[in-house]
């Protein structure tokens, strides 16, 4: 049986699994958007049965688990799409559900770009809440492709970035865009 967790021998190593891809997904996200908060430990990837990918904070130990849907069990491409979305939440975890439009839009955009650029197909979220947030983030990144890093230098937690911080990071950000991006998702 094929699985996203089974590594098969390959010349000079093994085939990719979701575990080995996780390291690359993290590194690419950090390169684009700044280092993750290393006070949290990413324990790995597991399946949940409700079909909704998420991060989960087991116990009170600053641990993070990435949960993906069972539909990924034999589909590495789908798993990479879901994990690359959730890894954005792992850059600045809070221990609670607290994402704003900026964080969810960035997570969706990163998952779309990562899967496409790394040969895992073309994926997108079907929920318009995510696609609307993604469009807002694209507008922001068209103004300044490094604004996420700049804003995180002021406020490292993405969900806590407010409109003043976005304007401080780049004064060209329109007030209405900053307002929309910093609303709760």
C-alpha atoms as a PDB file:
ATOM      1  CA  UNK A   1       0.000   0.000   0.000  1.00  0.00           C
ATOM      2  CA  UNK A   2       1.231   3.474  -0.868  1.00  0.00           C
ATOM      3  CA  UNK A   3       1.375   6.036   1.929  1.00  0.00           C
ATOM      4  CA  UNK A   4       2.697   9.531   2.423  1.00  0.00           C
ATOM      5  CA  UNK A   5       4.733   8.162   5.348  1.00  0.00           C
ATOM      6  CA  UNK A   6       6.522   5.266   3.590  1.00  0.00           C
ATOM      7  CA  UNK A   7      10.004   6.086   2.290  1.00  0.00           C
ATOM      8  CA  UNK A   8      11.179   3.780  -0.463  1.00  0.00           C
ATOM      9  CA  UNK A   9      14.855   3.258  -1.362  1.00  0.00           C
ATOM     10  CA  UNK A  10      15.985   5.550  -4.140  1.00  0.00           C
ATOM     11  CA  UNK A  11      19.465   6.129  -5.577  1.00  0.00           C
ATOM     12  CA  UNK A  12      21.429   8.104  -2.957  1.00  0.00           C
ATOM     13  CA  UNK A  13      18.618   8.068  -0.386  1.00  0.00           C
ATOM     14  CA  UNK A  14      14.876   7.573  -0.197  1.00  0.00           C
ATOM     15  CA  UNK A  15      11.729   8.884  -1.834  1.00  0.00           C
ATOM     16  CA  UNK A  16      10.103  11.922  -0.317  1.00  0.00           C
ATOM     17  CA  UNK A  17       7.511  11.531   2.424  1.00  0.00           C
ATOM     18  CA  UNK A  18       5.475  14.221   4.118  1.00  0.00           C
ATOM     19  CA  UNK A  19       7.982  14.132   6.979  1.00  0.00           C
ATOM     20  CA  UNK A  20      10.977  14.809   4.755  1.00  0.00           C
ATOM     21  CA  UNK A  21       9.025  17.457   2.788  1.00  0.00           C
ATOM     22  CA  UNK A  22       8.090  19.182   6.069  1.00  0.00           C
ATOM     23  CA  UNK A  23      11.656  20.390   6.572  1.00  0.00           C
ATOM     24  CA  UNK A  24      11.779  21.940   3.101  1.00  0.00           C
ATOM     25  CA  UNK A  25       8.342  23.532   3.519  1.00  0.00           C
ATOM     26  CA  UNK A  26       9.448  25.151   6.790  1.00  0.00           C
ATOM     27  CA  UNK A  27      12.741  26.429   5.388  1.00  0.00           C
ATOM     28  CA  UNK A  28      11.078  27.964   2.320  1.00  0.00           C
ATOM     29  CA  UNK A  29       8.424  29.678   4.462  1.00  0.00           C
ATOM     30  CA  UNK A  30      11.120  31.106   6.742  1.00  0.00           C
ATOM     31  CA  UNK A  31      13.110  32.350   3.749  1.00  0.00           C
ATOM     32  CA  UNK A  32      10.081  34.222   2.444  1.00  0.00           C
ATOM     33  CA  UNK A  33       8.423  35.451   5.620  1.00  0.00           C
ATOM     34  CA  UNK A  34      10.963  35.322   8.457  1.00  0.00           C
ATOM     35  CA  UNK A  35      12.022  32.766  11.027  1.00  0.00           C
ATOM     36  CA  UNK A  36       9.509  30.762  12.962  1.00  0.00           C
ATOM     37  CA  UNK A  37       9.090  31.074  16.719  1.00  0.00           C
ATOM     38  CA  UNK A  38      11.381  28.290  17.908  1.00  0.00           C
ATOM     39  CA  UNK A  39       9.949  28.387  21.431  1.00  0.00           C
ATOM     40  CA  UNK A  40       7.279  26.099  19.929  1.00  0.00           C
ATOM     41  CA  UNK A  41       8.250  22.575  18.886  1.00  0.00           C
ATOM     42  CA  UNK A  42       6.688  21.189  15.717  1.00  0.00           C
ATOM     43  CA  UNK A  43       6.098  17.540  16.614  1.00  0.00           C
ATOM     44  CA  UNK A  44       5.059  16.404  13.149  1.00  0.00           C
ATOM     45  CA  UNK A  45       2.066  15.583  10.991  1.00  0.00           C
ATOM     46  CA  UNK A  46      -0.958  13.424  11.812  1.00  0.00           C
ATOM     47  CA  UNK A  47      -4.384  12.737  10.332  1.00  0.00           C
ATOM     48  CA  UNK A  48      -7.709  13.882  11.694  1.00  0.00           C
ATOM     49  CA  UNK A  49     -11.080  12.470  10.711  1.00  0.00           C
ATOM     50  CA  UNK A  50     -13.137  15.616  10.282  1.00  0.00           C
ATOM     51  CA  UNK A  51     -11.492  16.656   7.017  1.00  0.00           C
ATOM     52  CA  UNK A  52     -10.262  20.064   8.190  1.00  0.00           C
ATOM     53  CA  UNK A  53      -6.498  20.650   8.297  1.00  0.00           C
ATOM     54  CA  UNK A  54      -5.328  22.643  11.311  1.00  0.00           C
ATOM     55  CA  UNK A  55      -2.611  23.031  13.865  1.00  0.00           C
ATOM     56  CA  UNK A  56      -3.231  21.585  17.304  1.00  0.00           C
ATOM     57  CA  UNK A  57      -1.506  22.426  20.572  1.00  0.00           C
ATOM     58  CA  UNK A  58      -1.447  19.240  22.693  1.00  0.00           C
ATOM     59  CA  UNK A  59      -1.012  19.909  26.417  1.00  0.00           C
ATOM     60  CA  UNK A  60       0.508  23.101  27.722  1.00  0.00           C
ATOM     61  CA  UNK A  61       4.038  22.519  26.509  1.00  0.00           C
ATOM     62  CA  UNK A  62       4.295  24.850  23.483  1.00  0.00           C
ATOM     63  CA  UNK A  63       4.090  21.852  21.158  1.00  0.00           C
ATOM     64  CA  UNK A  64       2.408  22.035  17.744  1.00  0.00           C
ATOM     65  CA  UNK A  65       1.002  19.180  15.671  1.00  0.00           C
ATOM     66  CA  UNK A  66      -0.059  19.688  12.068  1.00  0.00           C
ATOM     67  CA  UNK A  67      -3.263  17.785  11.382  1.00  0.00           C
ATOM     68  CA  UNK A  68      -4.256  16.985   7.798  1.00  0.00           C
ATOM     69  CA  UNK A  69      -7.311  15.277   6.397  1.00  0.00           C
ATOM     70  CA  UNK A  70      -7.578  11.551   5.718  1.00  0.00           C
ATOM     71  CA  UNK A  71      -7.964  12.390   2.018  1.00  0.00           C
ATOM     72  CA  UNK A  72      -4.178  12.860   2.037  1.00  0.00           C
ATOM     73  CA  UNK A  73      -3.338   9.344   3.177  1.00  0.00           C
ATOM     74  CA  UNK A  74      -2.307   8.184  -0.315  1.00  0.00           C
ATOM     75  CA  UNK A  75      -1.845  11.600  -1.933  1.00  0.00           C
ATOM     76  CA  UNK A  76       1.477  13.299  -1.217  1.00  0.00           C
ATOM     77  CA  UNK A  77       0.533  16.307  -3.368  1.00  0.00           C
ATOM     78  CA  UNK A  78      -2.628  16.990  -1.348  1.00  0.00           C
ATOM     79  CA  UNK A  79      -0.681  16.455   1.886  1.00  0.00           C
ATOM     80  CA  UNK A  80       1.991  18.950   0.797  1.00  0.00           C
ATOM     81  CA  UNK A  81      -0.740  21.493  -0.030  1.00  0.00           C
ATOM     82  CA  UNK A  82      -2.337  21.126   3.394  1.00  0.00           C
ATOM     83  CA  UNK A  83       0.942  21.052   5.347  1.00  0.00           C
ATOM     84  CA  UNK A  84       2.341  24.084   3.506  1.00  0.00           C
ATOM     85  CA  UNK A  85      -0.793  26.028   4.484  1.00  0.00           C
ATOM     86  CA  UNK A  86      -0.525  25.019   8.130  1.00  0.00           C
ATOM     87  CA  UNK A  87       3.199  25.755   8.305  1.00  0.00           C
ATOM     88  CA  UNK A  88       2.452  29.480   7.969  1.00  0.00           C
ATOM     89  CA  UNK A  89       0.517  29.198  11.245  1.00  0.00           C
ATOM     90  CA  UNK A  90       3.613  27.518  12.717  1.00  0.00           C
ATOM     91  CA  UNK A  91       5.781  30.570  11.969  1.00  0.00           C
ATOM     92  CA  UNK A  92       4.191  32.426  14.871  1.00  0.00           C
ATOM     93  CA  UNK A  93       1.912  30.095  16.814  1.00  0.00           C
ATOM     94  CA  UNK A  94      -0.156  31.530  19.652  1.00  0.00           C
ATOM     95  CA  UNK A  95      -1.538  28.459  21.397  1.00  0.00           C
ATOM     96  CA  UNK A  96      -5.075  29.486  20.458  1.00  0.00           C
ATOM     97  CA  UNK A  97      -7.141  30.024  17.306  1.00  0.00           C
ATOM     98  CA  UNK A  98      -6.400  33.672  16.492  1.00  0.00           C
ATOM     99  CA  UNK A  99      -5.729  34.097  12.759  1.00  0.00           C
ATOM    100  CA  UNK A 100      -6.479  37.330  10.973  1.00  0.00           C
ATOM    101  CA  UNK A 101      -7.139  37.806   7.246  1.00  0.00           C
ATOM    102  CA  UNK A 102      -3.424  38.421   6.702  1.00  0.00           C
ATOM    103  CA  UNK A 103      -2.374  35.098   8.238  1.00  0.00           C
ATOM    104  CA  UNK A 104      -5.029  32.972   6.504  1.00  0.00           C
ATOM    105  CA  UNK A 105      -4.528  34.678   3.160  1.00  0.00           C
ATOM    106  CA  UNK A 106      -0.770  34.260   3.446  1.00  0.00           C
ATOM    107  CA  UNK A 107      -1.177  30.592   4.402  1.00  0.00           C
ATOM    108  CA  UNK A 108      -3.406  29.928   1.413  1.00  0.00           C
ATOM    109  CA  UNK A 109      -1.161  31.844  -0.980  1.00  0.00           C
ATOM    110  CA  UNK A 110       1.981  30.076   0.271  1.00  0.00           C
ATOM    111  CA  UNK A 111       0.368  26.639  -0.089  1.00  0.00           C
ATOM    112  CA  UNK A 112      -0.696  27.418  -3.661  1.00  0.00           C
ATOM    113  CA  UNK A 113       2.735  28.762  -4.624  1.00  0.00           C
ATOM    114  CA  UNK A 114       4.727  26.074  -2.793  1.00  0.00           C
ATOM    115  CA  UNK A 115       2.878  23.145  -4.360  1.00  0.00           C
ATOM    116  CA  UNK A 116       3.095  24.635  -7.850  1.00  0.00           C
ATOM    117  CA  UNK A 117       6.780  25.595  -7.601  1.00  0.00           C
ATOM    118  CA  UNK A 118       7.809  22.229  -6.172  1.00  0.00           C
ATOM    119  CA  UNK A 119       6.018  19.938  -8.617  1.00  0.00           C
ATOM    120  CA  UNK A 120       3.021  19.014  -6.483  1.00  0.00           C
ATOM    121  CA  UNK A 121       0.353  20.245  -8.879  1.00  0.00           C
ATOM    122  CA  UNK A 122      -1.961  23.207  -8.907  1.00  0.00           C
ATOM    123  CA  UNK A 123      -4.155  23.455  -5.822  1.00  0.00           C
ATOM    124  CA  UNK A 124      -6.368  26.112  -4.341  1.00  0.00           C
ATOM    125  CA  UNK A 125      -8.839  26.441  -1.488  1.00  0.00           C
ATOM    126  CA  UNK A 126     -12.476  26.028  -2.479  1.00  0.00           C
ATOM    127  CA  UNK A 127     -13.831  28.236   0.317  1.00  0.00           C
ATOM    128  CA  UNK A 128     -14.237  31.864  -0.786  1.00  0.00           C
ATOM    129  CA  UNK A 129     -13.200  33.071   2.688  1.00  0.00           C
ATOM    130  CA  UNK A 130      -9.685  31.817   1.892  1.00  0.00           C
ATOM    131  CA  UNK A 131      -9.601  33.029  -1.691  1.00  0.00           C
ATOM    132  CA  UNK A 132     -10.823  36.496  -0.639  1.00  0.00           C
ATOM    133  CA  UNK A 133      -8.117  36.698   2.045  1.00  0.00           C
ATOM    134  CA  UNK A 134      -5.546  35.527  -0.506  1.00  0.00           C
ATOM    135  CA  UNK A 135      -6.504  38.335  -2.902  1.00  0.00           C
ATOM    136  CA  UNK A 136      -5.937  40.874  -0.125  1.00  0.00           C
ATOM    137  CA  UNK A 137      -2.493  39.426   0.618  1.00  0.00           C
ATOM    138  CA  UNK A 138      -1.604  39.468  -3.085  1.00  0.00           C
ATOM    139  CA  UNK A 139      -2.481  43.182  -3.179  1.00  0.00           C
ATOM    140  CA  UNK A 140      -0.219  43.756  -0.184  1.00  0.00           C
ATOM    141  CA  UNK A 141       2.686  41.786  -1.653  1.00  0.00           C
ATOM    142  CA  UNK A 142       2.332  43.663  -4.958  1.00  0.00           C
ATOM    143  CA  UNK A 143       3.037  46.853  -3.009  1.00  0.00           C
ATOM    144  CA  UNK A 144       6.014  45.347  -1.158  1.00  0.00           C
ATOM    145  CA  UNK A 145       7.126  41.730  -1.601  1.00  0.00           C
ATOM    146  CA  UNK A 146       9.095  41.859   1.693  1.00  0.00           C
ATOM    147  CA  UNK A 147       6.409  43.475   3.820  1.00  0.00           C
ATOM    148  CA  UNK A 148       5.690  40.325   5.845  1.00  0.00           C
ATOM    149  CA  UNK A 149       9.312  40.173   7.017  1.00  0.00           C
ATOM    150  CA  UNK A 150       9.302  43.917   7.696  1.00  0.00           C
ATOM    151  CA  UNK A 151       6.072  43.743   9.696  1.00  0.00           C
ATOM    152  CA  UNK A 152       7.300  40.675  11.617  1.00  0.00           C
ATOM    153  CA  UNK A 153      10.427  42.601  12.599  1.00  0.00           C
ATOM    154  CA  UNK A 154       8.059  44.993  14.383  1.00  0.00           C
ATOM    155  CA  UNK A 155       5.535  42.368  15.586  1.00  0.00           C
ATOM    156  CA  UNK A 156       6.727  38.741  15.172  1.00  0.00           C
ATOM    157  CA  UNK A 157       3.257  37.214  15.580  1.00  0.00           C
ATOM    158  CA  UNK A 158       1.405  37.440  12.264  1.00  0.00           C
ATOM    159  CA  UNK A 159      -2.064  37.354  13.858  1.00  0.00           C
ATOM    160  CA  UNK A 160      -1.098  40.361  16.021  1.00  0.00           C
ATOM    161  CA  UNK A 161       0.014  42.545  13.125  1.00  0.00           C
ATOM    162  CA  UNK A 162      -2.353  45.499  13.042  1.00  0.00           C
ATOM    163  CA  UNK A 163      -2.999  48.218  10.477  1.00  0.00           C
ATOM    164  CA  UNK A 164      -0.533  50.618  12.130  1.00  0.00           C
ATOM    165  CA  UNK A 165       2.231  48.020  11.873  1.00  0.00           C
ATOM    166  CA  UNK A 166       1.490  47.447   8.178  1.00  0.00           C
ATOM    167  CA  UNK A 167       1.644  51.206   7.572  1.00  0.00           C
ATOM    168  CA  UNK A 168       4.861  51.436   9.609  1.00  0.00           C
ATOM    169  CA  UNK A 169       6.376  48.599   7.546  1.00  0.00           C
ATOM    170  CA  UNK A 170       5.460  50.424   4.326  1.00  0.00           C
ATOM    171  CA  UNK A 171       3.692  53.781   4.193  1.00  0.00           C
ATOM    172  CA  UNK A 172       2.358  52.982   0.700  1.00  0.00           C
ATOM    173  CA  UNK A 173      -0.101  50.405   2.088  1.00  0.00           C
ATOM    174  CA  UNK A 174      -3.591  51.874   1.668  1.00  0.00           C
ATOM    175  CA  UNK A 175      -5.465  52.296   4.953  1.00  0.00           C
ATOM    176  CA  UNK A 176      -8.490  50.320   3.740  1.00  0.00           C
ATOM    177  CA  UNK A 177      -6.293  47.371   2.707  1.00  0.00           C
ATOM    178  CA  UNK A 178      -4.486  47.429   6.052  1.00  0.00           C
ATOM    179  CA  UNK A 179      -7.855  47.508   7.812  1.00  0.00           C
ATOM    180  CA  UNK A 180      -9.219  44.511   5.908  1.00  0.00           C
ATOM    181  CA  UNK A 181      -6.048  42.439   6.334  1.00  0.00           C
ATOM    182  CA  UNK A 182      -5.986  42.857  10.088  1.00  0.00           C
ATOM    183  CA  UNK A 183      -9.602  41.854  10.701  1.00  0.00           C
ATOM    184  CA  UNK A 184     -10.165  38.495  12.424  1.00  0.00           C
ATOM    185  CA  UNK A 185     -10.617  35.643   9.998  1.00  0.00           C
END
